[in-house]
């Protein structure tokens, strides 16, 4: 099995991202591996706090990308790709993201699925 066939796609559930055309394409491109409103793996409504992309990965990548000011679009793209590769190959980043997910899930369950950000 190649790497591409093991990848999942997670989207934010925005209405334009859930149109039938987009949903059909994503289900075709990621059969059985779509996380969102219209996929086989449902993501809880209005739950960005449970998304490691929102609270972990993007923050880490932004630190790497914007640590040095870039002057061109190509330089920015290069820094984004370098940051993604750094994250992809960092076992420590994966371990930290996994721990963060478990901690947030525990907090969410402790308050019965309610608001828990003020307890973090």
N, C-alpha and C. Protein backbone atom coordinates (compact mmCIF):
# COMPACT_ATOMS: atom_id res chain seq x y z
N UNK A 1 0.86 -1.18 0.00
CA UNK A 1 0.00 0.00 0.00
C UNK A 1 0.89 1.24 0.00
N UNK A 2 0.68 2.14 -0.95
CA UNK A 2 1.50 3.34 -1.01
C UNK A 2 1.02 4.38 0.02
N UNK A 3 1.88 5.37 0.27
CA UNK A 3 1.57 6.39 1.28
C UNK A 3 0.29 7.13 0.97
N UNK A 4 0.07 7.44 -0.30
CA UNK A 4 -1.10 8.24 -0.68
C UNK A 4 -2.40 7.51 -0.34
N UNK A 5 -2.44 6.21 -0.48
CA UNK A 5 -3.68 5.48 -0.21
C UNK A 5 -3.95 5.31 1.28
N UNK A 6 -3.00 5.71 2.14
CA UNK A 6 -3.20 5.65 3.58
C UNK A 6 -3.58 7.00 4.17
N UNK A 7 -3.55 8.05 3.37
CA UNK A 7 -3.83 9.38 3.88
C UNK A 7 -5.33 9.60 4.04
N UNK A 8 -5.64 10.39 5.06
CA UNK A 8 -7.02 10.81 5.30
C UNK A 8 -7.12 12.28 4.94
N UNK A 9 -8.32 12.73 4.62
CA UNK A 9 -8.56 14.14 4.36
C UNK A 9 -9.56 14.65 5.38
N UNK A 10 -9.19 15.72 6.08
CA UNK A 10 -10.08 16.32 7.06
C UNK A 10 -10.40 17.73 6.61
N UNK A 11 -11.68 18.07 6.54
CA UNK A 11 -12.02 19.45 6.23
C UNK A 11 -12.92 20.02 7.30
N UNK A 12 -13.09 21.33 7.25
CA UNK A 12 -13.73 22.04 8.36
C UNK A 12 -15.24 22.07 8.31
N UNK A 13 -15.87 21.48 7.32
CA UNK A 13 -17.32 21.45 7.27
C UNK A 13 -17.96 22.73 6.77
N UNK A 14 -17.18 23.64 6.26
CA UNK A 14 -17.73 24.87 5.70
C UNK A 14 -18.69 24.50 4.57
N UNK A 15 -19.83 25.19 4.46
CA UNK A 15 -20.81 24.82 3.42
C UNK A 15 -20.22 24.68 2.01
N UNK A 16 -19.33 25.59 1.55
CA UNK A 16 -18.78 25.37 0.20
C UNK A 16 -17.95 24.09 0.10
N UNK A 17 -17.38 23.66 1.20
CA UNK A 17 -16.58 22.44 1.18
C UNK A 17 -17.44 21.19 1.22
N UNK A 18 -18.75 21.36 1.45
CA UNK A 18 -19.65 20.23 1.57
C UNK A 18 -20.62 20.13 0.40
N UNK A 19 -20.38 20.88 -0.65
CA UNK A 19 -21.26 20.79 -1.82
C UNK A 19 -21.14 19.40 -2.42
N UNK A 20 -22.14 19.00 -3.20
CA UNK A 20 -22.11 17.64 -3.75
C UNK A 20 -20.90 17.43 -4.66
N UNK A 21 -20.51 18.44 -5.43
CA UNK A 21 -19.34 18.29 -6.30
C UNK A 21 -18.07 18.06 -5.52
N UNK A 22 -17.87 18.87 -4.47
CA UNK A 22 -16.68 18.73 -3.64
C UNK A 22 -16.71 17.40 -2.90
N UNK A 23 -17.86 17.07 -2.33
CA UNK A 23 -17.98 15.81 -1.59
C UNK A 23 -17.73 14.61 -2.49
N UNK A 24 -18.29 14.62 -3.68
CA UNK A 24 -18.07 13.51 -4.62
C UNK A 24 -16.59 13.37 -4.96
N UNK A 25 -15.93 14.51 -5.23
CA UNK A 25 -14.51 14.46 -5.55
C UNK A 25 -13.70 13.91 -4.37
N UNK A 26 -13.96 14.43 -3.17
CA UNK A 26 -13.19 14.00 -2.00
C UNK A 26 -13.44 12.52 -1.69
N UNK A 27 -14.68 12.06 -1.83
CA UNK A 27 -14.96 10.64 -1.60
C UNK A 27 -14.29 9.77 -2.66
N UNK A 28 -14.18 10.29 -3.89
CA UNK A 28 -13.46 9.57 -4.94
C UNK A 28 -11.95 9.55 -4.65
N UNK A 29 -11.43 10.70 -4.26
CA UNK A 29 -9.98 10.85 -4.05
C UNK A 29 -9.51 10.18 -2.76
N UNK A 30 -10.38 10.18 -1.74
CA UNK A 30 -10.05 9.59 -0.44
C UNK A 30 -11.14 8.59 -0.05
N UNK A 31 -11.28 7.50 -0.79
CA UNK A 31 -12.37 6.56 -0.51
C UNK A 31 -12.27 5.98 0.89
N UNK A 32 -13.33 6.20 1.67
CA UNK A 32 -13.36 5.69 3.04
C UNK A 32 -12.45 6.43 4.00
N UNK A 33 -11.86 7.56 3.55
CA UNK A 33 -10.88 8.26 4.39
C UNK A 33 -11.15 9.76 4.44
N UNK A 34 -12.41 10.14 4.42
CA UNK A 34 -12.80 11.54 4.49
C UNK A 34 -13.37 11.82 5.87
N UNK A 35 -12.78 12.78 6.56
CA UNK A 35 -13.25 13.18 7.89
C UNK A 35 -13.97 14.51 7.72
N UNK A 36 -15.25 14.54 8.01
CA UNK A 36 -16.01 15.78 7.87
C UNK A 36 -17.50 15.51 7.88
N UNK A 37 -18.27 16.51 7.51
CA UNK A 37 -19.73 16.39 7.54
C UNK A 37 -20.26 15.34 6.57
N UNK A 38 -19.61 15.16 5.44
CA UNK A 38 -20.15 14.31 4.39
C UNK A 38 -19.33 13.05 4.15
N UNK A 39 -18.49 12.70 5.07
CA UNK A 39 -17.65 11.53 4.87
C UNK A 39 -18.03 10.40 5.80
N UNK A 40 -17.37 9.28 5.65
CA UNK A 40 -17.67 8.13 6.51
C UNK A 40 -17.19 8.33 7.94
N UNK A 41 -16.27 9.26 8.16
CA UNK A 41 -15.78 9.55 9.51
C UNK A 41 -16.24 10.95 9.88
N UNK A 42 -17.28 11.00 10.69
CA UNK A 42 -17.86 12.29 11.05
C UNK A 42 -17.01 12.99 12.09
N UNK A 43 -16.87 14.29 11.91
CA UNK A 43 -16.15 15.13 12.86
C UNK A 43 -17.21 15.85 13.68
N UNK A 44 -17.10 15.89 14.99
CA UNK A 44 -18.13 16.55 15.79
C UNK A 44 -18.35 18.00 15.33
N UNK A 45 -19.59 18.37 15.28
CA UNK A 45 -19.94 19.74 14.84
C UNK A 45 -19.28 20.77 15.73
N UNK A 46 -18.79 21.84 15.11
CA UNK A 46 -18.21 22.98 15.82
C UNK A 46 -17.16 22.54 16.84
N UNK A 47 -16.24 21.70 16.41
CA UNK A 47 -15.24 21.20 17.35
C UNK A 47 -13.81 21.46 16.91
N UNK A 48 -13.45 22.71 16.59
CA UNK A 48 -12.07 22.95 16.18
C UNK A 48 -11.08 22.64 17.30
N UNK A 49 -11.56 22.66 18.54
CA UNK A 49 -10.66 22.38 19.66
C UNK A 49 -10.19 20.94 19.67
N UNK A 50 -10.89 20.07 18.96
CA UNK A 50 -10.49 18.67 18.92
C UNK A 50 -9.69 18.35 17.67
N UNK A 51 -9.36 19.36 16.89
CA UNK A 51 -8.61 19.15 15.66
C UNK A 51 -7.13 19.46 15.87
N UNK A 52 -6.28 18.44 15.78
CA UNK A 52 -4.85 18.72 15.96
C UNK A 52 -4.29 19.66 14.90
N UNK A 53 -4.92 19.72 13.75
CA UNK A 53 -4.46 20.67 12.74
C UNK A 53 -4.63 22.09 13.22
N UNK A 54 -5.77 22.37 13.85
CA UNK A 54 -6.05 23.74 14.30
C UNK A 54 -5.21 24.16 15.49
N UNK A 55 -5.05 23.32 16.48
CA UNK A 55 -4.39 23.79 17.69
C UNK A 55 -2.93 23.34 17.81
N UNK A 56 -2.46 22.49 16.94
CA UNK A 56 -1.06 22.02 17.02
C UNK A 56 -0.29 22.32 15.75
N UNK A 57 -0.65 21.61 14.71
CA UNK A 57 0.18 21.59 13.50
C UNK A 57 0.35 22.96 12.88
N UNK A 58 -0.75 23.70 12.69
CA UNK A 58 -0.63 25.00 12.03
C UNK A 58 0.23 25.95 12.84
N UNK A 59 0.12 25.91 14.15
CA UNK A 59 0.97 26.77 14.99
C UNK A 59 2.44 26.44 14.83
N UNK A 60 2.77 25.16 14.85
CA UNK A 60 4.17 24.75 14.67
C UNK A 60 4.68 25.14 13.30
N UNK A 61 3.84 24.90 12.28
CA UNK A 61 4.29 25.23 10.93
C UNK A 61 4.47 26.73 10.75
N UNK A 62 3.56 27.52 11.32
CA UNK A 62 3.70 28.98 11.21
C UNK A 62 4.98 29.46 11.87
N UNK A 63 5.34 28.86 13.00
CA UNK A 63 6.60 29.24 13.64
C UNK A 63 7.78 29.01 12.70
N UNK A 64 7.79 27.87 12.03
CA UNK A 64 8.88 27.56 11.11
C UNK A 64 8.84 28.45 9.86
N UNK A 65 7.65 28.62 9.30
CA UNK A 65 7.51 29.39 8.05
C UNK A 65 7.85 30.86 8.26
N UNK A 66 7.35 31.45 9.33
CA UNK A 66 7.49 32.89 9.53
C UNK A 66 8.65 33.27 10.44
N UNK A 67 9.53 32.33 10.77
CA UNK A 67 10.67 32.67 11.62
C UNK A 67 11.64 33.61 10.90
N UNK A 68 11.60 33.58 9.59
CA UNK A 68 12.41 34.47 8.76
C UNK A 68 11.48 35.12 7.74
N UNK A 69 11.57 36.42 7.59
CA UNK A 69 10.71 37.12 6.64
C UNK A 69 11.09 36.71 5.21
N UNK A 70 10.07 36.42 4.41
CA UNK A 70 10.31 36.04 3.02
C UNK A 70 9.88 37.17 2.10
N UNK A 71 10.56 37.28 0.98
CA UNK A 71 10.30 38.40 0.07
C UNK A 71 9.51 38.01 -1.17
N UNK A 72 9.47 36.72 -1.48
CA UNK A 72 8.80 36.31 -2.71
C UNK A 72 7.83 35.17 -2.43
N UNK A 73 6.92 34.99 -3.35
CA UNK A 73 5.96 33.89 -3.26
C UNK A 73 6.69 32.55 -3.28
N UNK A 74 7.68 32.41 -4.14
CA UNK A 74 8.44 31.17 -4.23
C UNK A 74 9.18 30.86 -2.93
N UNK A 75 9.74 31.89 -2.31
CA UNK A 75 10.42 31.70 -1.03
C UNK A 75 9.43 31.24 0.04
N UNK A 76 8.23 31.83 0.04
CA UNK A 76 7.20 31.44 0.99
C UNK A 76 6.78 29.99 0.76
N UNK A 77 6.54 29.63 -0.49
CA UNK A 77 6.17 28.26 -0.81
C UNK A 77 7.27 27.29 -0.36
N UNK A 78 8.51 27.64 -0.61
CA UNK A 78 9.62 26.79 -0.18
C UNK A 78 9.66 26.59 1.32
N UNK A 79 9.41 27.67 2.07
CA UNK A 79 9.41 27.57 3.54
C UNK A 79 8.24 26.72 4.02
N UNK A 80 7.09 26.84 3.36
CA UNK A 80 5.93 26.02 3.73
C UNK A 80 6.24 24.54 3.50
N UNK A 81 6.80 24.24 2.33
CA UNK A 81 7.13 22.84 2.02
C UNK A 81 8.19 22.30 2.97
N UNK A 82 9.18 23.11 3.31
CA UNK A 82 10.21 22.69 4.27
C UNK A 82 9.60 22.41 5.65
N UNK A 83 8.69 23.28 6.07
CA UNK A 83 8.05 23.11 7.38
C UNK A 83 7.19 21.84 7.39
N UNK A 84 6.47 21.59 6.31
CA UNK A 84 5.65 20.38 6.22
C UNK A 84 6.53 19.14 6.27
N UNK A 85 7.65 19.16 5.58
CA UNK A 85 8.57 18.02 5.59
C UNK A 85 9.17 17.84 6.98
N UNK A 86 9.50 18.93 7.64
CA UNK A 86 10.04 18.84 9.00
C UNK A 86 9.02 18.18 9.93
N UNK A 87 7.76 18.60 9.82
CA UNK A 87 6.73 18.01 10.67
C UNK A 87 6.52 16.55 10.31
N UNK A 88 6.48 16.26 9.02
CA UNK A 88 6.22 14.89 8.56
C UNK A 88 7.27 13.91 9.08
N UNK A 89 8.50 14.36 9.20
CA UNK A 89 9.59 13.46 9.59
C UNK A 89 9.95 13.54 11.07
N UNK A 90 9.24 14.34 11.83
CA UNK A 90 9.58 14.53 13.25
C UNK A 90 8.72 13.63 14.14
N UNK A 91 9.32 12.58 14.66
CA UNK A 91 8.60 11.69 15.57
C UNK A 91 8.18 12.43 16.83
N UNK A 92 9.00 13.36 17.30
CA UNK A 92 8.67 14.11 18.50
C UNK A 92 7.43 14.97 18.28
N UNK A 93 7.32 15.61 17.11
CA UNK A 93 6.13 16.42 16.82
C UNK A 93 4.88 15.53 16.79
N UNK A 94 5.00 14.35 16.20
CA UNK A 94 3.85 13.43 16.15
C UNK A 94 3.46 12.99 17.55
N UNK A 95 4.44 12.68 18.38
CA UNK A 95 4.17 12.28 19.75
C UNK A 95 3.51 13.41 20.53
N UNK A 96 4.00 14.63 20.39
CA UNK A 96 3.40 15.77 21.08
C UNK A 96 1.98 16.03 20.61
N UNK A 97 1.74 15.92 19.31
CA UNK A 97 0.38 16.13 18.78
C UNK A 97 -0.56 15.05 19.31
N UNK A 98 -0.10 13.82 19.36
CA UNK A 98 -0.92 12.72 19.87
C UNK A 98 -1.27 12.95 21.34
N UNK A 99 -0.28 13.35 22.13
CA UNK A 99 -0.54 13.64 23.55
C UNK A 99 -1.54 14.78 23.70
N UNK A 100 -1.39 15.81 22.89
CA UNK A 100 -2.29 16.96 22.96
C UNK A 100 -3.73 16.54 22.63
N UNK A 101 -3.88 15.68 21.61
CA UNK A 101 -5.22 15.19 21.26
C UNK A 101 -5.83 14.44 22.44
N UNK A 102 -5.07 13.54 23.05
CA UNK A 102 -5.60 12.78 24.18
C UNK A 102 -5.95 13.68 25.36
N UNK A 103 -5.14 14.68 25.62
CA UNK A 103 -5.43 15.61 26.71
C UNK A 103 -6.71 16.38 26.46
N UNK A 104 -6.89 16.87 25.23
CA UNK A 104 -8.12 17.62 24.91
C UNK A 104 -9.34 16.72 24.94
N UNK A 105 -9.21 15.50 24.45
CA UNK A 105 -10.33 14.56 24.50
C UNK A 105 -10.73 14.30 25.94
N UNK A 106 -9.76 14.13 26.80
CA UNK A 106 -10.03 13.90 28.22
C UNK A 106 -10.77 15.09 28.82
N UNK A 107 -10.32 16.30 28.52
CA UNK A 107 -10.98 17.51 29.01
C UNK A 107 -12.41 17.60 28.50
N UNK A 108 -12.60 17.28 27.23
CA UNK A 108 -13.94 17.34 26.62
C UNK A 108 -14.88 16.34 27.29
N UNK A 109 -14.41 15.12 27.50
CA UNK A 109 -15.23 14.10 28.15
C UNK A 109 -15.54 14.49 29.59
N UNK A 110 -14.57 15.09 30.28
CA UNK A 110 -14.76 15.47 31.68
C UNK A 110 -15.89 16.47 31.87
N UNK A 111 -16.14 17.31 30.87
CA UNK A 111 -17.22 18.29 30.98
C UNK A 111 -18.45 17.86 30.19
N UNK A 112 -18.52 16.59 29.85
CA UNK A 112 -19.70 16.07 29.15
C UNK A 112 -19.87 16.62 27.76
N UNK A 113 -18.77 16.97 27.10
CA UNK A 113 -18.84 17.47 25.73
C UNK A 113 -19.11 18.95 25.65
N UNK A 114 -19.16 19.64 26.78
CA UNK A 114 -19.44 21.07 26.80
C UNK A 114 -18.18 21.89 26.58
N UNK A 115 -18.29 23.16 26.90
CA UNK A 115 -17.18 24.09 26.74
C UNK A 115 -16.13 23.79 27.81
N UNK A 116 -14.89 23.65 27.38
CA UNK A 116 -13.83 23.33 28.32
C UNK A 116 -12.58 24.18 28.12
N UNK A 117 -12.61 25.13 27.18
CA UNK A 117 -11.43 25.93 26.90
C UNK A 117 -10.96 26.70 28.11
N UNK A 118 -11.89 27.13 28.96
CA UNK A 118 -11.52 27.88 30.15
C UNK A 118 -10.80 27.03 31.18
N UNK A 119 -10.79 25.71 30.99
CA UNK A 119 -10.11 24.80 31.92
C UNK A 119 -8.72 24.41 31.43
N UNK A 120 -8.37 24.85 30.23
CA UNK A 120 -7.08 24.47 29.65
C UNK A 120 -6.00 25.39 30.15
